Amino acid sequence: MFKPDGDSWRRVVPSPEPQHIFEIRPIRWLLEHGVVLICAGGGGVPTMFQPSAARETLIGVEAVIDKDLASELLARETAADVYVMATDVEAVYADWGTPQQRALGRVTTHELRQQEFPAGSMGPKVEAACRFVEATGGRAAIGALTQIQQIIAGEGGTQVVAS
């Protein structure tokens, strides 16, 4: 399917939520052995079990897996202490693009869920952060890669905590 995108057209495919990280066992093993990993880049390769098979045969599908929801699932399945999303902005902003815009520092999932964020930018990051915190009781953070040390220390970006 194609849809208009400004002056041109773009191909549109489904964006299902990630359900499972198939390589989770070797990922956990590598983490336990001190290996630095890069996982779920771009959301990972979209697959599904072949409908006619007995849940044994994976096939590729035309879809895009959301990278933020995939990394949140990975963070939960590896029992991460904190879930950090490094991006190109210093924090999540309430009322973005208006004279009232303000960076959100420490915020609860309840407070975040009261706001609206665009689906094409900060929306998936906020949703992923809220899911991680609600599922684990841990902390999630969103902020600029240039401030990663402060963000991990809980002193920068947007720090998302339980309500």
Protein backbone atom coordinates (compact mmCIF):
# COMPACT_ATOMS: atom_id res chain seq x y z
CA MET A 1 0.00 0.00 0.00
CA PHE A 2 1.23 3.52 -0.80
CA LYS A 3 0.13 6.79 0.77
CA PRO A 4 0.92 10.43 0.03
CA ASP A 5 3.86 11.87 1.95
CA GLY A 6 4.22 15.57 1.10
CA ASP A 7 4.95 15.87 -2.61
CA SER A 8 5.73 12.18 -3.02
CA TRP A 9 4.44 8.75 -2.05
CA ARG A 10 5.70 6.27 0.49
CA ARG A 11 5.13 2.60 1.09
CA VAL A 12 3.12 1.82 4.23
CA VAL A 13 3.32 -1.50 6.09
CA PRO A 14 1.78 -2.70 9.36
CA SER A 15 3.55 -1.90 12.64
CA PRO A 16 2.70 -4.73 15.06
CA GLU A 17 3.84 -4.63 18.66
CA PRO A 18 6.82 -6.84 19.45
CA GLN A 19 5.79 -9.99 21.28
CA HIS A 20 9.01 -11.91 21.85
CA ILE A 21 12.79 -11.57 21.59
CA PHE A 22 13.80 -14.91 20.04
CA GLU A 23 17.49 -14.56 20.91
CA ILE A 24 16.90 -13.68 24.58
CA ARG A 25 18.82 -16.66 26.02
CA PRO A 26 22.13 -15.90 24.24
CA ILE A 27 21.63 -12.18 24.93
CA ARG A 28 21.28 -12.88 28.67
CA TRP A 29 24.34 -15.18 28.60
CA LEU A 30 26.45 -12.53 26.88
CA LEU A 31 25.33 -9.86 29.36
CA GLU A 32 26.17 -12.16 32.29
CA HIS A 33 29.67 -12.46 30.82
CA GLY A 34 30.23 -8.69 30.56
CA VAL A 35 29.75 -8.30 26.83
CA VAL A 36 28.45 -4.96 25.53
CA LEU A 37 25.61 -5.69 23.12
CA ILE A 38 23.67 -3.81 20.50
CA CYS A 39 20.23 -5.39 20.18
CA ALA A 40 16.81 -4.71 18.66
CA GLY A 41 18.20 -2.06 16.31
CA GLY A 42 15.40 -0.61 14.24
CA GLY A 43 13.00 -2.83 16.15
CA GLY A 44 14.47 -6.05 14.82
CA VAL A 45 13.49 -8.28 11.93
CA PRO A 46 9.70 -8.79 11.78
CA THR A 47 8.81 -12.48 11.77
CA MET A 48 5.86 -14.65 12.63
CA PHE A 49 5.19 -18.35 12.93
CA GLN A 50 4.03 -19.85 9.66
CA PRO A 51 0.26 -20.33 10.08
CA SER A 52 0.24 -23.85 8.67
CA ALA A 53 3.18 -25.06 10.80
CA ALA A 54 3.13 -26.20 14.43
CA ARG A 55 4.72 -22.98 15.78
CA GLU A 56 8.11 -24.20 14.66
CA THR A 57 8.73 -22.36 11.42
CA LEU A 58 9.40 -18.62 11.40
CA ILE A 59 8.80 -16.60 8.27
CA GLY A 60 9.61 -12.97 7.50
CA VAL A 61 6.73 -10.53 7.15
CA GLU A 62 6.39 -7.09 5.62
CA ALA A 63 6.14 -4.91 8.70
CA VAL A 64 8.07 -2.43 10.81
CA ILE A 65 8.62 -3.21 14.48
CA ASP A 66 8.72 -0.10 16.67
CA LYS A 67 12.28 0.26 18.03
CA ASP A 68 11.19 1.82 21.32
CA LEU A 69 8.69 -0.93 22.15
CA ALA A 70 11.21 -3.59 21.05
CA SER A 71 13.93 -2.15 23.28
CA GLU A 72 11.47 -1.88 26.18
CA LEU A 73 10.63 -5.58 25.79
CA LEU A 74 14.35 -6.36 25.67
CA ALA A 75 14.96 -4.29 28.83
CA ARG A 76 12.22 -6.16 30.69
CA GLU A 77 13.36 -9.59 29.49
CA THR A 78 16.95 -8.91 30.58
CA ALA A 79 15.87 -7.47 33.97
CA ALA A 80 17.55 -4.12 33.24
CA ASP A 81 18.08 -1.83 36.22
CA VAL A 82 17.13 1.23 34.19
CA TYR A 83 15.74 1.63 30.68
CA VAL A 84 17.41 4.56 28.86
CA MET A 85 16.39 5.95 25.47
CA ALA A 86 19.09 8.23 24.09
CA THR A 87 17.76 10.62 21.49
CA ASP A 88 18.55 14.01 19.96
CA VAL A 89 16.56 16.12 22.43
CA GLU A 90 17.48 16.80 26.04
CA ALA A 91 14.12 15.72 27.50
CA VAL A 92 10.45 15.05 26.89
CA TYR A 93 8.61 18.35 26.51
CA ALA A 94 5.06 19.10 27.56
CA ASP A 95 3.22 21.46 25.20
CA TRP A 96 5.95 21.05 22.56
CA GLY A 97 6.03 23.80 19.94
CA THR A 98 4.00 26.27 21.97
CA PRO A 99 5.09 29.26 24.07
CA GLN A 100 4.23 27.14 27.14
CA GLN A 101 6.58 24.26 26.26
CA ARG A 102 8.62 22.97 29.16
CA ALA A 103 11.03 20.11 29.69
CA LEU A 104 9.80 17.39 32.00
CA GLY A 105 12.38 16.38 34.62
CA ARG A 106 11.22 13.74 37.10
CA VAL A 107 7.72 12.59 36.21
CA THR A 108 5.43 9.69 37.11
CA THR A 109 3.85 7.39 34.56
CA HIS A 110 0.45 8.76 35.58
CA GLU A 111 1.56 12.33 34.87
CA LEU A 112 3.02 11.32 31.50
CA ARG A 113 -0.14 9.46 30.48
CA GLN A 114 -2.14 12.66 31.06
CA GLN A 115 -0.22 14.36 28.22
CA GLU A 116 -0.43 13.84 24.47
CA PHE A 117 2.70 13.14 22.44
CA PRO A 118 2.94 12.72 18.64
CA ALA A 119 2.90 9.13 17.40
CA GLY A 120 5.67 9.88 14.92
CA SER A 121 8.17 11.21 17.45
CA MET A 122 8.00 11.20 21.26
CA GLY A 123 4.78 9.16 21.61
CA PRO A 124 6.37 5.70 21.27
CA LYS A 125 9.25 6.63 23.58
CA VAL A 126 6.87 7.84 26.29
CA GLU A 127 4.72 4.72 25.90
CA ALA A 128 7.78 2.44 26.11
CA ALA A 129 9.08 4.26 29.20
CA CYS A 130 5.69 4.00 30.93
CA ARG A 131 5.37 0.29 30.10
CA PHE A 132 8.82 -0.49 31.51
CA VAL A 133 8.20 1.40 34.75
CA GLU A 134 4.70 -0.02 35.21
CA ALA A 135 5.87 -3.59 34.56
CA THR A 136 9.02 -3.49 36.68
CA GLY A 137 8.68 -0.69 39.19
CA GLY A 138 12.06 0.47 37.90
CA ARG A 139 13.10 3.73 36.27
CA ALA A 140 13.14 4.78 32.63
CA ALA A 141 14.83 7.83 31.18
CA ILE A 142 14.69 9.76 27.91
CA GLY A 143 17.23 12.36 26.91
CA ALA A 144 20.11 13.48 24.70
CA LEU A 145 22.98 11.13 23.97
CA THR A 146 25.35 14.01 24.80
CA GLN A 147 24.06 13.90 28.42
CA ILE A 148 24.06 10.12 28.83
CA GLN A 149 26.10 10.08 32.07
CA GLN A 150 23.75 12.55 33.77
CA ILE A 151 20.71 10.67 32.48
CA ILE A 152 21.93 7.32 33.83
CA ALA A 153 22.76 9.00 37.15
CA GLY A 154 19.17 10.28 37.30
CA GLU A 155 20.28 13.91 36.97
CA GLY A 156 19.34 14.70 33.38
CA GLY A 157 16.71 14.12 30.73
CA THR A 158 13.24 13.02 31.65
CA GLN A 159 13.23 10.51 34.51
CA VAL A 160 10.11 8.35 34.51
CA VAL A 161 9.18 6.73 37.82
CA ALA A 162 6.24 4.76 39.22
CA SER A 163 3.10 6.63 40.14
